[in-house]
């Protein structure tokens, strides 16, 4: 399996709120970040949680976000960042 996004790509996290076991944190949904690392393919944990095989495997990415863009009223440094690992099925290109 090849990863759809390369290191340095700007990506948007899907703004979806499905019920059940979801591995993408609420606070990054609908936000934009940058791929800093491709961690490899892993079986889908959202399917594994319900006893399914989790196949096909999905690429897992490490995404860097500016913390101030995640939290309204954030009072920390403008240079603060937050890193979250997110599966490819939650991501789309945010390139202009």
Protein backbone atom coordinates (compact mmCIF):
# COMPACT_ATOMS: atom_id res chain seq x y z
CA UNK A 1 0.00 0.00 0.00
CA UNK A 2 1.30 3.43 -0.88
CA UNK A 3 0.61 6.51 1.13
CA UNK A 4 -1.50 9.15 -0.60
CA UNK A 5 0.22 12.10 1.11
CA UNK A 6 3.91 12.97 1.29
CA UNK A 7 5.84 14.55 4.14
CA UNK A 8 5.20 18.30 4.04
CA UNK A 9 1.73 17.98 2.50
CA UNK A 10 -1.03 20.16 3.94
CA UNK A 11 -4.01 18.01 4.87
CA UNK A 12 -7.51 18.63 6.21
CA UNK A 13 -9.07 16.33 8.77
CA UNK A 14 -12.59 15.19 7.90
CA UNK A 15 -15.24 17.00 9.96
CA UNK A 16 -17.31 13.90 10.71
CA UNK A 17 -18.86 12.83 13.99
CA UNK A 18 -19.89 9.18 13.58
CA UNK A 19 -21.07 7.21 16.61
CA UNK A 20 -18.95 4.41 17.99
CA UNK A 21 -15.26 3.74 18.28
CA UNK A 22 -13.44 6.55 16.46
CA UNK A 23 -9.68 7.08 16.67
CA UNK A 24 -9.55 10.67 15.42
CA UNK A 25 -9.74 13.20 18.26
CA UNK A 26 -12.71 15.55 18.24
CA UNK A 27 -10.52 18.67 18.57
CA UNK A 28 -8.73 18.15 15.22
CA UNK A 29 -11.77 17.34 13.09
CA UNK A 30 -12.26 20.00 10.42
CA UNK A 31 -8.77 21.41 11.05
CA UNK A 32 -5.74 21.65 8.76
CA UNK A 33 -2.23 20.43 9.51
CA UNK A 34 1.00 19.26 7.88
CA UNK A 35 2.26 15.69 7.44
CA UNK A 36 5.54 15.30 9.33
CA UNK A 37 5.92 11.53 9.16
CA UNK A 38 4.39 8.50 7.46
CA UNK A 39 4.23 5.78 10.11
CA UNK A 40 3.27 2.92 7.79
CA UNK A 41 0.19 0.83 7.06
CA UNK A 42 -1.88 -0.55 9.94
CA UNK A 43 -5.15 -2.40 10.12
CA UNK A 44 -8.07 -0.03 10.66
CA UNK A 45 -8.63 0.19 14.44
CA UNK A 46 -12.18 1.47 13.94
CA UNK A 47 -13.04 -1.87 12.27
CA UNK A 48 -10.93 -3.94 14.68
CA UNK A 49 -12.92 -2.52 17.61
CA UNK A 50 -16.00 -4.31 16.27
CA UNK A 51 -14.31 -7.66 15.63
CA UNK A 52 -13.78 -7.14 11.90
CA UNK A 53 -10.44 -7.82 10.20
CA UNK A 54 -9.40 -4.16 9.84
CA UNK A 55 -8.28 -4.88 6.28
CA UNK A 56 -7.28 -3.32 4.03
CA UNK A 57 -4.54 -1.66 6.04
CA UNK A 58 -4.52 2.14 6.08
CA UNK A 59 -1.51 4.46 6.12
CA UNK A 60 -1.06 6.24 9.44
CA UNK A 61 0.36 9.76 9.42
CA UNK A 62 1.83 12.04 12.04
CA UNK A 63 0.17 15.45 11.56
CA UNK A 64 1.43 18.75 13.02
CA UNK A 65 -1.12 21.43 13.92
CA UNK A 66 -0.66 24.95 15.24
CA UNK A 67 -2.14 24.72 18.72
CA UNK A 68 -3.73 28.19 18.54
CA UNK A 69 -5.75 26.99 15.51
CA UNK A 70 -7.17 24.06 17.52
CA UNK A 71 -8.39 25.90 20.61
CA UNK A 72 -10.38 29.14 20.69
CA UNK A 73 -8.82 31.62 23.09
CA UNK A 74 -5.50 29.77 23.31
CA UNK A 75 -3.12 31.99 25.30
CA UNK A 76 0.14 30.08 24.86
CA UNK A 77 2.95 30.89 22.47
CA UNK A 78 2.00 31.41 18.82
CA UNK A 79 4.72 28.89 17.99
CA UNK A 80 3.15 26.07 20.03
CA UNK A 81 2.24 22.95 18.07
CA UNK A 82 0.26 19.76 18.65
CA UNK A 83 1.07 16.44 16.96
CA UNK A 84 -1.62 13.81 16.33
CA UNK A 85 -1.43 10.45 14.53
CA UNK A 86 -4.30 10.15 12.04
CA UNK A 87 -5.31 7.43 9.58
CA UNK A 88 -5.55 8.26 5.88
CA UNK A 89 -9.32 7.68 5.67
CA UNK A 90 -9.78 10.82 7.82
CA UNK A 91 -7.62 13.05 5.60
CA UNK A 92 -7.98 15.01 2.37
CA UNK A 93 -5.63 17.39 0.58
CA UNK A 94 -5.67 20.98 1.80
CA UNK A 95 -3.36 22.21 -0.94
CA UNK A 96 -4.59 25.31 -2.79
